[in-house]
Amino acid sequence: MQHPIEVTPYRTGLYRLIFGAAAAYNIAFGLWAALAPRSFFATFELTPPVYPSIWACLGMVIGLYGLGYAYAAARIERAAPFIAIGLLGKLLGPAGWILTVIRGEWPIRTLTLILFNDVIWWLPFALFLLEGTRLARSMRRLAPAACAATNLVGIIAMATTLRFGTEIVPLPADRIAYIAAHPILWRGGWCAWIASGVTLVAFYAWWGGFLERPRWGLVAVAIAAVGLSCDFAGESILIAWLPRHYESLARAATLLSGAAANGLYTLAGIVLTIATPSLRGLLRALTWAVWLVGGALTALAIAGLPLGIAVSTAILFALFCPWVLLIGWSLRSRQTALL
């Protein structure tokens, strides 16, 4: 079966990159589960299975999915059935996980598994299957607005609820008490940041489609995708592992999200900016201001300076949300002018 819609060379490159990454992840996870079936349970502090070979067999199945994704990356025109089956599995997996957590069979800290196995692939898999439809075109057109909106929600959540559990509060005991007393607000706020990371990478992918040399768009998306993986790791710790493991993991979460992810997002944005000579004047100056503040936030997160992190975060997002909309308007206007 062939994909009935002709995909642009740039988006073909994006899908090859995504499906190749999915193949590598599934094969690596499958080998881990098959060769060291008890390791997963030790990592997530679960009771070891009585029959670890069942988990090993599951790992083999997951690895076989990886072979399907590898084929999809190589033969985009025949990828639709493999991606459709994969997306269905990635929707059913979280549904089963929710039931398992509700029943008390698995703890919520296994959310990390669901984010990497399933959630991170939802948008690109769905967009591929929707290629050529009005819905897909609308989703791509709304990429800047979605990015601005989700990041605005994230910064509002940080200002109103999340900050009381962060290092801006001097005493760790007070942070722990706040997280324990407000689990829904805490987890919901960080879920908003997960959405903001996804839409940021989607915005970068959309931006890459306007470049004269699209390969730089692929480079930027690859860098940002690694950043998103760091973000998912850090935010899954904040959502699912705290406050129980606050002393040992809070700093790691800050380094993953505030330093590694933010630094990689900034680097990806710099690549796109350099590859977009049409950005001129005040908009180009604003763009470099965003990356300058993003770099400062990364440095302050590495240094572990809570007040500096808070101030630079406030400045960054005061600039970032309107900047995204301006970039979106500028790129669309230029494309229209060239038609």
C-alpha atoms as a PDB file:
ATOM      1  CA  MET A   1       0.000   0.000   0.000  1.00  0.00           C
ATOM      2  CA  GLN A   2       1.366   3.405  -0.950  1.00  0.00           C
ATOM      3  CA  HIS A   3       0.784   6.736   0.712  1.00  0.00           C
ATOM      4  CA  PRO A   4      -1.642   8.403  -1.752  1.00  0.00           C
ATOM      5  CA  ILE A   5      -0.396  11.964  -1.226  1.00  0.00           C
ATOM      6  CA  GLU A   6       2.831  13.380  -2.609  1.00  0.00           C
ATOM      7  CA  VAL A   7       4.849  14.752   0.310  1.00  0.00           C
ATOM      8  CA  THR A   8       7.254  17.662  -0.177  1.00  0.00           C
ATOM      9  CA  PRO A   9      10.976  16.794  -0.093  1.00  0.00           C
ATOM     10  CA  TYR A  10      11.432  18.722   3.162  1.00  0.00           C
ATOM     11  CA  ARG A  11       8.607  16.920   4.950  1.00  0.00           C
ATOM     12  CA  THR A  12       9.803  13.628   3.497  1.00  0.00           C
ATOM     13  CA  GLY A  13      13.143  14.318   5.157  1.00  0.00           C
ATOM     14  CA  LEU A  14      11.386  15.110   8.436  1.00  0.00           C
ATOM     15  CA  TYR A  15       9.410  11.874   8.346  1.00  0.00           C
ATOM     16  CA  ARG A  16      12.523   9.849   7.529  1.00  0.00           C
ATOM     17  CA  LEU A  17      14.234  11.463  10.518  1.00  0.00           C
ATOM     18  CA  ILE A  18      11.287  10.768  12.828  1.00  0.00           C
ATOM     19  CA  PHE A  19      10.660   7.198  11.716  1.00  0.00           C
ATOM     20  CA  GLY A  20      14.385   6.459  11.878  1.00  0.00           C
ATOM     21  CA  ALA A  21      14.463   7.762  15.450  1.00  0.00           C
ATOM     22  CA  ALA A  22      11.401   5.650  16.304  1.00  0.00           C
ATOM     23  CA  ALA A  23      13.131   2.590  14.843  1.00  0.00           C
ATOM     24  CA  ALA A  24      16.300   3.209  16.860  1.00  0.00           C
ATOM     25  CA  TYR A  25      14.320   3.760  20.058  1.00  0.00           C
ATOM     26  CA  ASN A  26      12.152   0.656  19.671  1.00  0.00           C
ATOM     27  CA  ILE A  27      15.067  -1.594  18.790  1.00  0.00           C
ATOM     28  CA  ALA A  28      17.126  -0.256  21.715  1.00  0.00           C
ATOM     29  CA  PHE A  29      14.219  -0.638  24.164  1.00  0.00           C
ATOM     30  CA  GLY A  30      13.444  -4.114  22.826  1.00  0.00           C
ATOM     31  CA  LEU A  31      17.047  -5.244  23.299  1.00  0.00           C
ATOM     32  CA  TRP A  32      17.099  -3.788  26.826  1.00  0.00           C
ATOM     33  CA  ALA A  33      13.888  -5.586  27.781  1.00  0.00           C
ATOM     34  CA  ALA A  34      14.922  -8.862  26.133  1.00  0.00           C
ATOM     35  CA  LEU A  35      18.507  -9.026  27.426  1.00  0.00           C
ATOM     36  CA  ALA A  36      17.979  -7.542  30.904  1.00  0.00           C
ATOM     37  CA  PRO A  37      14.286  -8.096  31.720  1.00  0.00           C
ATOM     38  CA  ARG A  38      14.669  -7.268  35.424  1.00  0.00           C
ATOM     39  CA  SER A  39      16.469  -3.989  34.790  1.00  0.00           C
ATOM     40  CA  PHE A  40      13.314  -2.025  33.932  1.00  0.00           C
ATOM     41  CA  PHE A  41      11.665  -3.043  37.189  1.00  0.00           C
ATOM     42  CA  ALA A  42      14.735  -2.098  39.206  1.00  0.00           C
ATOM     43  CA  THR A  43      14.955   1.300  37.486  1.00  0.00           C
ATOM     44  CA  PHE A  44      11.339   2.151  38.294  1.00  0.00           C
ATOM     45  CA  GLU A  45      11.464   0.563  41.755  1.00  0.00           C
ATOM     46  CA  LEU A  46       8.854  -2.062  40.928  1.00  0.00           C
ATOM     47  CA  THR A  47       8.473  -5.520  42.372  1.00  0.00           C
ATOM     48  CA  PRO A  48      10.564  -7.891  40.211  1.00  0.00           C
ATOM     49  CA  PRO A  49       8.421 -10.099  37.956  1.00  0.00           C
ATOM     50  CA  VAL A  50       7.968 -13.745  38.841  1.00  0.00           C
ATOM     51  CA  TYR A  51       8.325 -14.644  35.162  1.00  0.00           C
ATOM     52  CA  PRO A  52      10.787 -12.165  33.632  1.00  0.00           C
ATOM     53  CA  SER A  53      10.725 -14.050  30.337  1.00  0.00           C
ATOM     54  CA  ILE A  54       7.269 -12.548  29.667  1.00  0.00           C
ATOM     55  CA  TRP A  55       8.783  -9.063  29.793  1.00  0.00           C
ATOM     56  CA  ALA A  56      11.640 -10.253  27.596  1.00  0.00           C
ATOM     57  CA  CYS A  57       9.131 -11.514  25.013  1.00  0.00           C
ATOM     58  CA  LEU A  58       7.372  -8.145  25.114  1.00  0.00           C
ATOM     59  CA  GLY A  59      10.725  -6.530  24.411  1.00  0.00           C
ATOM     60  CA  MET A  60      11.104  -8.677  21.309  1.00  0.00           C
ATOM     61  CA  VAL A  61       7.698  -7.511  20.050  1.00  0.00           C
ATOM     62  CA  ILE A  62       8.632  -3.865  20.650  1.00  0.00           C
ATOM     63  CA  GLY A  63      11.868  -4.456  18.773  1.00  0.00           C
ATOM     64  CA  LEU A  64       9.913  -5.824  15.811  1.00  0.00           C
ATOM     65  CA  TYR A  65       7.949  -2.576  15.707  1.00  0.00           C
ATOM     66  CA  GLY A  66      11.325  -0.909  15.310  1.00  0.00           C
ATOM     67  CA  LEU A  67      11.982  -2.914  12.158  1.00  0.00           C
ATOM     68  CA  GLY A  68       8.647  -1.706  10.790  1.00  0.00           C
ATOM     69  CA  TYR A  69       9.570   1.909  11.493  1.00  0.00           C
ATOM     70  CA  ALA A  70      12.942   1.393   9.807  1.00  0.00           C
ATOM     71  CA  TYR A  71      11.147   0.159   6.704  1.00  0.00           C
ATOM     72  CA  ALA A  72       8.802   3.152   6.887  1.00  0.00           C
ATOM     73  CA  ALA A  73      11.795   5.508   7.015  1.00  0.00           C
ATOM     74  CA  ALA A  74      13.327   3.871   3.966  1.00  0.00           C
ATOM     75  CA  ARG A  75      10.101   3.601   1.949  1.00  0.00           C
ATOM     76  CA  ILE A  76       8.007   6.648   2.812  1.00  0.00           C
ATOM     77  CA  GLU A  77       5.583   5.915  -0.023  1.00  0.00           C
ATOM     78  CA  ARG A  78       4.719   2.585   1.653  1.00  0.00           C
ATOM     79  CA  ALA A  79       4.913   3.732   5.278  1.00  0.00           C
ATOM     80  CA  ALA A  80       1.237   4.448   6.011  1.00  0.00           C
ATOM     81  CA  PRO A  81       0.190   0.950   7.251  1.00  0.00           C
ATOM     82  CA  PHE A  82       3.198   0.668   9.575  1.00  0.00           C
ATOM     83  CA  ILE A  83       2.659   4.153  11.004  1.00  0.00           C
ATOM     84  CA  ALA A  84      -1.092   3.613  11.405  1.00  0.00           C
ATOM     85  CA  ILE A  85      -0.511   0.401  13.377  1.00  0.00           C
ATOM     86  CA  GLY A  86       2.208   2.125  15.396  1.00  0.00           C
ATOM     87  CA  LEU A  87      -0.007   5.102  16.235  1.00  0.00           C
ATOM     88  CA  LEU A  88      -2.850   2.830  17.308  1.00  0.00           C
ATOM     89  CA  GLY A  89      -0.478   1.038  19.667  1.00  0.00           C
ATOM     90  CA  LYS A  90       0.759   4.347  21.012  1.00  0.00           C
ATOM     91  CA  LEU A  91      -2.812   5.383  21.796  1.00  0.00           C
ATOM     92  CA  LEU A  92      -3.782   2.069  23.397  1.00  0.00           C
ATOM     93  CA  GLY A  93      -0.605   1.922  25.494  1.00  0.00           C
ATOM     94  CA  PRO A  94      -1.367   5.045  27.575  1.00  0.00           C
ATOM     95  CA  ALA A  95      -5.004   3.958  27.950  1.00  0.00           C
ATOM     96  CA  GLY A  96      -3.847   0.654  29.419  1.00  0.00           C
ATOM     97  CA  TRP A  97      -1.290   2.448  31.575  1.00  0.00           C
ATOM     98  CA  ILE A  98      -3.982   4.717  33.063  1.00  0.00           C
ATOM     99  CA  LEU A  99      -6.076   1.693  34.024  1.00  0.00           C
ATOM    100  CA  THR A 100      -3.016  -0.002  35.511  1.00  0.00           C
ATOM    101  CA  VAL A 101      -2.189   3.057  37.630  1.00  0.00           C
ATOM    102  CA  ILE A 102      -5.810   3.482  38.756  1.00  0.00           C
ATOM    103  CA  ARG A 103      -5.851  -0.140  39.908  1.00  0.00           C
ATOM    104  CA  GLY A 104      -2.662   0.443  41.872  1.00  0.00           C
ATOM    105  CA  GLU A 105      -0.714  -2.169  39.916  1.00  0.00           C
ATOM    106  CA  TRP A 106       1.919   0.312  38.725  1.00  0.00           C
ATOM    107  CA  PRO A 107       2.969   3.619  40.319  1.00  0.00           C
ATOM    108  CA  ILE A 108       2.605   6.915  38.480  1.00  0.00           C
ATOM    109  CA  ARG A 109       6.400   7.220  38.200  1.00  0.00           C
ATOM    110  CA  THR A 110       6.212   4.821  35.249  1.00  0.00           C
ATOM    111  CA  LEU A 111       4.872   7.841  33.333  1.00  0.00           C
ATOM    112  CA  THR A 112       8.410   8.237  31.987  1.00  0.00           C
ATOM    113  CA  LEU A 113       7.919   5.031  29.995  1.00  0.00           C
ATOM    114  CA  ILE A 114       4.640   6.252  28.490  1.00  0.00           C
ATOM    115  CA  LEU A 115       6.063   9.621  27.480  1.00  0.00           C
ATOM    116  CA  PHE A 116       8.938   8.064  25.548  1.00  0.00           C
ATOM    117  CA  ASN A 117       7.169   4.976  24.225  1.00  0.00           C
ATOM    118  CA  ASP A 118       4.007   6.736  23.138  1.00  0.00           C
ATOM    119  CA  VAL A 119       3.295  10.432  23.700  1.00  0.00           C
ATOM    120  CA  ILE A 120       6.393  11.835  22.012  1.00  0.00           C
ATOM    121  CA  TRP A 121       5.375  10.152  18.711  1.00  0.00           C
ATOM    122  CA  TRP A 122       1.693  11.125  18.592  1.00  0.00           C
ATOM    123  CA  LEU A 123       1.923  14.389  16.656  1.00  0.00           C
ATOM    124  CA  PRO A 124       4.405  13.391  13.913  1.00  0.00           C
ATOM    125  CA  PHE A 125       2.736  10.020  13.309  1.00  0.00           C
ATOM    126  CA  ALA A 126      -0.702  11.645  13.115  1.00  0.00           C
ATOM    127  CA  LEU A 127       0.509  14.405  10.781  1.00  0.00           C
ATOM    128  CA  PHE A 128       2.000  11.841   8.419  1.00  0.00           C
ATOM    129  CA  LEU A 129      -1.259   9.920   8.239  1.00  0.00           C
ATOM    130  CA  LEU A 130      -3.163  13.182   7.678  1.00  0.00           C
ATOM    131  CA  GLU A 131      -0.870  14.395   4.865  1.00  0.00           C
ATOM    132  CA  GLY A 132      -2.801  16.110   2.094  1.00  0.00           C
ATOM    133  CA  THR A 133      -5.903  16.787   4.188  1.00  0.00           C
ATOM    134  CA  ARG A 134      -7.350  20.158   5.149  1.00  0.00           C
ATOM    135  CA  LEU A 135      -6.837  19.270   8.818  1.00  0.00           C
ATOM    136  CA  ALA A 136      -3.104  18.721   8.328  1.00  0.00           C
ATOM    137  CA  ARG A 137      -2.766  22.015   6.475  1.00  0.00           C
ATOM    138  CA  SER A 138      -4.621  23.806   9.268  1.00  0.00           C
ATOM    139  CA  MET A 139      -2.440  22.208  11.935  1.00  0.00           C
ATOM    140  CA  ARG A 140       0.732  23.305  10.154  1.00  0.00           C
ATOM    141  CA  ARG A 141      -0.621  26.810   9.604  1.00  0.00           C
ATOM    142  CA  LEU A 142      -1.471  27.107  13.300  1.00  0.00           C
ATOM    143  CA  ALA A 143       1.991  25.990  14.465  1.00  0.00           C
ATOM    144  CA  PRO A 144       3.157  29.483  15.567  1.00  0.00           C
ATOM    145  CA  ALA A 145      -0.117  30.257  17.385  1.00  0.00           C
ATOM    146  CA  ALA A 146      -0.141  26.850  19.098  1.00  0.00           C
ATOM    147  CA  CYS A 147       3.459  27.318  20.217  1.00  0.00           C
ATOM    148  CA  ALA A 148       2.765  30.807  21.590  1.00  0.00           C
ATOM    149  CA  ALA A 149      -0.432  29.695  23.342  1.00  0.00           C
ATOM    150  CA  THR A 150       0.981  26.602  25.044  1.00  0.00           C
ATOM    151  CA  ASN A 151       4.090  28.446  26.187  1.00  0.00           C
ATOM    152  CA  LEU A 152       1.901  31.243  27.560  1.00  0.00           C
ATOM    153  CA  VAL A 153      -0.119  28.673  29.507  1.00  0.00           C
ATOM    154  CA  GLY A 154       3.130  27.166  30.762  1.00  0.00           C
ATOM    155  CA  ILE A 155       4.543  30.435  32.033  1.00  0.00           C
ATOM    156  CA  ILE A 156       1.234  31.312  33.703  1.00  0.00           C
ATOM    157  CA  ALA A 157       1.283  27.917  35.420  1.00  0.00           C
ATOM    158  CA  MET A 158       4.847  28.584  36.557  1.00  0.00           C
ATOM    159  CA  ALA A 159       3.954  31.996  37.956  1.00  0.00           C
ATOM    160  CA  THR A 160       0.773  30.908  39.725  1.00  0.00           C
ATOM    161  CA  THR A 161       1.273  27.315  40.899  1.00  0.00           C
ATOM    162  CA  LEU A 162       4.587  25.659  40.034  1.00  0.00           C
ATOM    163  CA  ARG A 163       6.973  28.226  41.520  1.00  0.00           C
ATOM    164  CA  PHE A 164       6.013  27.245  45.081  1.00  0.00           C
ATOM    165  CA  GLY A 165       7.583  23.831  44.515  1.00  0.00           C
ATOM    166  CA  THR A 166      10.757  25.094  42.837  1.00  0.00           C
ATOM    167  CA  GLU A 167      14.109  26.286  44.158  1.00  0.00           C
ATOM    168  CA  ILE A 168      12.878  29.890  44.284  1.00  0.00           C
ATOM    169  CA  VAL A 169      11.413  28.780  47.644  1.00  0.00           C
ATOM    170  CA  PRO A 170      14.438  28.686  50.015  1.00  0.00           C
ATOM    171  CA  LEU A 171      13.613  25.647  52.156  1.00  0.00           C
ATOM    172  CA  PRO A 172      13.361  22.196  50.533  1.00  0.00           C
ATOM    173  CA  ALA A 173      10.893  21.134  53.207  1.00  0.00           C
ATOM    174  CA  ASP A 174       8.485  23.880  52.124  1.00  0.00           C
ATOM    175  CA  ARG A 175       8.767  22.814  48.482  1.00  0.00           C
ATOM    176  CA  ILE A 176       8.127  19.188  49.358  1.00  0.00           C
ATOM    177  CA  ALA A 177       5.119  20.132  51.503  1.00  0.00           C
ATOM    178  CA  TYR A 178       3.629  22.215  48.692  1.00  0.00           C
ATOM    179  CA  ILE A 179       4.008  19.459  46.079  1.00  0.00           C
ATOM    180  CA  ALA A 180       2.495  16.890  48.444  1.00  0.00           C
ATOM    181  CA  ALA A 181      -0.455  19.162  49.225  1.00  0.00           C
ATOM    182  CA  HIS A 182      -1.196  20.168  45.610  1.00  0.00           C
ATOM    183  CA  PRO A 183      -0.496  17.119  43.414  1.00  0.00           C
ATOM    184  CA  ILE A 184      -3.097  17.941  40.743  1.00  0.00           C
ATOM    185  CA  LEU A 185      -1.956  21.543  40.277  1.00  0.00           C
ATOM    186  CA  TRP A 186       1.684  20.447  40.278  1.00  0.00           C
ATOM    187  CA  ARG A 187       1.227  17.676  37.726  1.00  0.00           C
ATOM    188  CA  GLY A 188      -1.146  19.677  35.561  1.00  0.00           C
ATOM    189  CA  GLY A 189       1.285  22.584  35.392  1.00  0.00           C
ATOM    190  CA  TRP A 190       4.129  20.387  34.207  1.00  0.00           C
ATOM    191  CA  CYS A 191       1.847  18.696  31.687  1.00  0.00           C
ATOM    192  CA  ALA A 192       1.348  22.175  30.208  1.00  0.00           C
ATOM    193  CA  TRP A 193       5.129  22.442  29.831  1.00  0.00           C
ATOM    194  CA  ILE A 194       5.207  19.071  28.072  1.00  0.00           C
ATOM    195  CA  ALA A 195       2.701  20.444  25.560  1.00  0.00           C
ATOM    196  CA  SER A 196       4.767  23.603  25.130  1.00  0.00           C
ATOM    197  CA  GLY A 197       7.861  21.542  24.301  1.00  0.00           C
ATOM    198  CA  VAL A 198       5.984  19.525  21.687  1.00  0.00           C
ATOM    199  CA  THR A 199       4.574  22.631  20.008  1.00  0.00           C
ATOM    200  CA  LEU A 200       7.989  24.328  20.051  1.00  0.00           C
ATOM    201  CA  VAL A 201       9.565  21.464  18.082  1.00  0.00           C
ATOM    202  CA  ALA A 202       6.533  21.506  15.760  1.00  0.00           C
ATOM    203  CA  PHE A 203       7.043  25.253  15.250  1.00  0.00           C
ATOM    204  CA  TYR A 204      10.713  24.690  14.400  1.00  0.00           C
ATOM    205  CA  ALA A 205       9.692  21.989  11.919  1.00  0.00           C
ATOM    206  CA  TRP A 206       7.213  24.420  10.341  1.00  0.00           C
ATOM    207  CA  TRP A 207       9.860  27.159  10.180  1.00  0.00           C
ATOM    208  CA  GLY A 208      12.286  24.794   8.455  1.00  0.00           C
ATOM    209  CA  GLY A 209       9.895  24.493   5.544  1.00  0.00           C
ATOM    210  CA  PHE A 210      10.563  28.143   4.609  1.00  0.00           C
ATOM    211  CA  LEU A 211      14.344  27.825   4.324  1.00  0.00           C
ATOM    212  CA  GLU A 212      16.160  28.030   1.025  1.00  0.00           C
ATOM    213  CA  ARG A 213      18.327  25.153   2.265  1.00  0.00           C
ATOM    214  CA  PRO A 214      15.861  22.834   4.033  1.00  0.00           C
ATOM    215  CA  ARG A 215      18.603  20.530   5.320  1.00  0.00           C
ATOM    216  CA  TRP A 216      19.334  23.156   7.979  1.00  0.00           C
ATOM    217  CA  GLY A 217      15.724  22.823   9.043  1.00  0.00           C
ATOM    218  CA  LEU A 218      16.282  19.084   9.504  1.00  0.00           C
ATOM    219  CA  VAL A 219      19.411  19.782  11.556  1.00  0.00           C
ATOM    220  CA  ALA A 220      17.507  22.221  13.762  1.00  0.00           C
ATOM    221  CA  VAL A 221      14.597  19.802  14.275  1.00  0.00           C
ATOM    222  CA  ALA A 222      17.005  16.987  15.163  1.00  0.00           C
ATOM    223  CA  ILE A 223      18.693  19.193  17.780  1.00  0.00           C
ATOM    224  CA  ALA A 224      15.345  20.341  19.170  1.00  0.00           C
ATOM    225  CA  ALA A 225      14.065  16.744  19.295  1.00  0.00           C
ATOM    226  CA  VAL A 226      16.991  15.755  21.512  1.00  0.00           C
ATOM    227  CA  GLY A 227      16.081  18.758  23.651  1.00  0.00           C
ATOM    228  CA  LEU A 228      12.476  17.542  23.817  1.00  0.00           C
ATOM    229  CA  SER A 229      13.704  14.140  25.021  1.00  0.00           C
ATOM    230  CA  CYS A 230      15.614  15.882  27.819  1.00  0.00           C
ATOM    231  CA  ASP A 231      12.495  17.918  28.611  1.00  0.00           C
ATOM    232  CA  PHE A 232      10.332  14.802  28.786  1.00  0.00           C
ATOM    233  CA  ALA A 233      12.830  13.120  31.096  1.00  0.00           C
ATOM    234  CA  GLY A 234      13.052  16.120  33.421  1.00  0.00           C
ATOM    235  CA  GLU A 235       9.336  16.841  33.469  1.00  0.00           C
ATOM    236  CA  SER A 236       8.409  13.198  34.022  1.00  0.00           C
ATOM    237  CA  ILE A 237      10.610  13.319  37.125  1.00  0.00           C
ATOM    238  CA  LEU A 238       8.846  16.467  38.321  1.00  0.00           C
ATOM    239  CA  ILE A 239       5.381  15.033  37.618  1.00  0.00           C
ATOM    240  CA  ALA A 240       5.751  11.452  38.734  1.00  0.00           C
ATOM    241  CA  TRP A 241       8.761  11.041  41.034  1.00  0.00           C
ATOM    242  CA  LEU A 242       8.405  14.039  43.344  1.00  0.00           C
ATOM    243  CA  PRO A 243       8.023  14.760  46.216  1.00  0.00           C
ATOM    244  CA  ARG A 244       9.107  11.289  47.329  1.00  0.00           C
ATOM    245  CA  HIS A 245      12.536  11.567  45.691  1.00  0.00           C
ATOM    246  CA  TYR A 246      12.912  15.334  45.929  1.00  0.00           C
ATOM    247  CA  GLU A 247      16.369  15.501  47.482  1.00  0.00           C
ATOM    248  CA  SER A 248      17.970  13.145  44.967  1.00  0.00           C
ATOM    249  CA  LEU A 249      16.108  14.050  41.768  1.00  0.00           C
ATOM    250  CA  ALA A 250      14.995  17.698  41.836  1.00  0.00           C
ATOM    251  CA  ARG A 251      18.394  18.983  40.757  1.00  0.00           C
ATOM    252  CA  ALA A 252      18.580  16.388  37.970  1.00  0.00           C
ATOM    253  CA  ALA A 253      15.186  17.541  36.687  1.00  0.00           C
ATOM    254  CA  THR A 254      16.380  21.166  36.618  1.00  0.00           C
ATOM    255  CA  LEU A 255      19.487  20.220  34.658  1.00  0.00           C
ATOM    256  CA  LEU A 256      17.507  18.142  32.181  1.00  0.00           C
ATOM    257  CA  SER A 257      14.755  20.693  31.504  1.00  0.00           C
ATOM    258  CA  GLY A 258      16.228  24.050  32.418  1.00  0.00           C
ATOM    259  CA  ALA A 259      19.758  23.434  31.138  1.00  0.00           C
ATOM    260  CA  ALA A 260      19.941  20.628  28.556  1.00  0.00           C
ATOM    261  CA  ALA A 261      16.519  21.046  26.932  1.00  0.00           C
ATOM    262  CA  ASN A 262      16.527  24.835  26.976  1.00  0.00           C
ATOM    263  CA  GLY A 263      20.097  24.944  25.693  1.00  0.00           C
ATOM    264  CA  LEU A 264      19.312  22.612  22.799  1.00  0.00           C
ATOM    265  CA  TYR A 265      16.128  24.521  21.929  1.00  0.00           C
ATOM    266  CA  THR A 266      18.199  27.714  21.859  1.00  0.00           C
ATOM    267  CA  LEU A 267      20.869  26.126  19.661  1.00  0.00           C
ATOM    268  CA  ALA A 268      18.216  24.853  17.243  1.00  0.00           C
ATOM    269  CA  GLY A 269      16.697  28.325  17.081  1.00  0.00           C
ATOM    270  CA  ILE A 270      20.102  29.832  16.322  1.00  0.00           C
ATOM    271  CA  VAL A 271      20.565  27.380  13.436  1.00  0.00           C
ATOM    272  CA  LEU A 272      17.198  28.392  11.988  1.00  0.00           C
ATOM    273  CA  THR A 273      17.951  32.095  12.428  1.00  0.00           C
ATOM    274  CA  ILE A 274      21.282  31.868  10.620  1.00  0.00           C
ATOM    275  CA  ALA A 275      19.602  29.890   7.837  1.00  0.00           C
ATOM    276  CA  THR A 276      16.891  32.576   7.434  1.00  0.00           C
ATOM    277  CA  PRO A 277      18.583  35.671   5.962  1.00  0.00           C
ATOM    278  CA  SER A 278      15.171  37.183   5.207  1.00  0.00           C
ATOM    279  CA  LEU A 279      14.844  38.069   8.911  1.00  0.00           C
ATOM    280  CA  ARG A 280      15.965  41.663   9.073  1.00  0.00           C
ATOM    281  CA  GLY A 281      15.805  44.772  11.194  1.00  0.00           C
ATOM    282  CA  LEU A 282      13.940  44.816  14.489  1.00  0.00           C
ATOM    283  CA  LEU A 283      12.623  41.260  14.065  1.00  0.00           C
ATOM    284  CA  ARG A 284      16.127  39.881  13.643  1.00  0.00           C
ATOM    285  CA  ALA A 285      17.304  41.888  16.671  1.00  0.00           C
ATOM    286  CA  LEU A 286      14.375  40.520  18.712  1.00  0.00           C
ATOM    287  CA  THR A 287      15.203  37.008  17.542  1.00  0.00           C
ATOM    288  CA  TRP A 288      18.783  37.278  18.753  1.00  0.00           C
ATOM    289  CA  ALA A 289      17.551  38.762  22.026  1.00  0.00           C
ATOM    290  CA  VAL A 290      15.427  35.646  22.558  1.00  0.00           C
ATOM    291  CA  TRP A 291      18.423  33.379  21.982  1.00  0.00           C
ATOM    292  CA  LEU A 292      20.652  35.520  24.211  1.00  0.00           C
ATOM    293  CA  VAL A 293      18.212  35.226  27.107  1.00  0.00           C
ATOM    294  CA  GLY A 294      17.734  31.519  26.371  1.00  0.00           C
ATOM    295  CA  GLY A 295      21.495  31.026  26.611  1.00  0.00           C
ATOM    296  CA  ALA A 296      21.572  32.965  29.882  1.00  0.00           C
ATOM    297  CA  LEU A 297      18.817  30.760  31.305  1.00  0.00           C
ATOM    298  CA  THR A 298      20.806  27.667  30.374  1.00  0.00           C
ATOM    299  CA  ALA A 299      23.928  29.001  32.094  1.00  0.00           C
ATOM    300  CA  LEU A 300      21.998  29.996  35.228  1.00  0.00           C
ATOM    301  CA  ALA A 301      20.332  26.571  35.406  1.00  0.00           C
ATOM    302  CA  ILE A 302      23.732  24.879  35.214  1.00  0.00           C
ATOM    303  CA  ALA A 303      25.058  27.217  37.901  1.00  0.00           C
ATOM    304  CA  GLY A 304      22.060  26.476  40.116  1.00  0.00           C
ATOM    305  CA  LEU A 305      21.041  30.106  40.750  1.00  0.00           C
ATOM    306  CA  PRO A 306      17.255  30.065  41.453  1.00  0.00           C
ATOM    307  CA  LEU A 307      16.705  33.834  41.412  1.00  0.00           C
ATOM    308  CA  GLY A 308      18.603  34.171  38.129  1.00  0.00           C
ATOM    309  CA  ILE A 309      16.588  31.292  36.655  1.00  0.00           C
ATOM    310  CA  ALA A 310      13.317  32.954  37.679  1.00  0.00           C
ATOM    311  CA  VAL A 311      14.255  36.373  36.293  1.00  0.00           C
ATOM    312  CA  SER A 312      15.641  35.039  33.007  1.00  0.00           C
ATOM    313  CA  THR A 313      12.592  32.779  32.562  1.00  0.00           C
ATOM    314  CA  ALA A 314      10.256  35.748  33.005  1.00  0.00           C
ATOM    315  CA  ILE A 315      12.216  37.840  30.495  1.00  0.00           C
ATOM    316  CA  LEU A 316      12.520  34.964  28.020  1.00  0.00           C
ATOM    317  CA  PHE A 317       8.823  34.256  27.826  1.00  0.00           C
ATOM    318  CA  ALA A 318       7.841  37.915  27.815  1.00  0.00           C
ATOM    319  CA  LEU A 319       9.847  38.072  24.594  1.00  0.00           C
ATOM    320  CA  PHE A 320       9.173  34.579  23.290  1.00  0.00           C
ATOM    321  CA  CYS A 321       5.378  34.427  23.029  1.00  0.00           C
ATOM    322  CA  PRO A 322       4.917  37.585  20.882  1.00  0.00           C
ATOM    323  CA  TRP A 323       8.113  36.767  18.965  1.00  0.00           C
ATOM    324  CA  VAL A 324       6.731  33.407  17.814  1.00  0.00           C
ATOM    325  CA  LEU A 325       3.653  35.126  16.408  1.00  0.00           C
ATOM    326  CA  LEU A 326       5.790  37.757  14.677  1.00  0.00           C
ATOM    327  CA  ILE A 327       8.020  35.111  13.108  1.00  0.00           C
ATOM    328  CA  GLY A 328       4.970  33.225  11.899  1.00  0.00           C
ATOM    329  CA  TRP A 329       3.479  36.360  10.356  1.00  0.00           C
ATOM    330  CA  SER A 330       6.800  37.341   8.759  1.00  0.00           C
ATOM    331  CA  LEU A 331       7.440  33.962   7.140  1.00  0.00           C
ATOM    332  CA  ARG A 332       3.888  33.620   5.813  1.00  0.00           C
ATOM    333  CA  SER A 333       3.955  37.176   4.450  1.00  0.00           C
ATOM    334  CA  ARG A 334       7.207  36.556   2.644  1.00  0.00           C
ATOM    335  CA  GLN A 335       5.891  33.330   1.149  1.00  0.00           C
ATOM    336  CA  THR A 336       2.742  35.105  -0.055  1.00  0.00           C
ATOM    337  CA  ALA A 337       4.808  37.905  -1.603  1.00  0.00           C
ATOM    338  CA  LEU A 338       6.857  35.392  -3.583  1.00  0.00           C
ATOM    339  CA  LEU A 339       3.819  33.653  -5.063  1.00  0.00           C
END
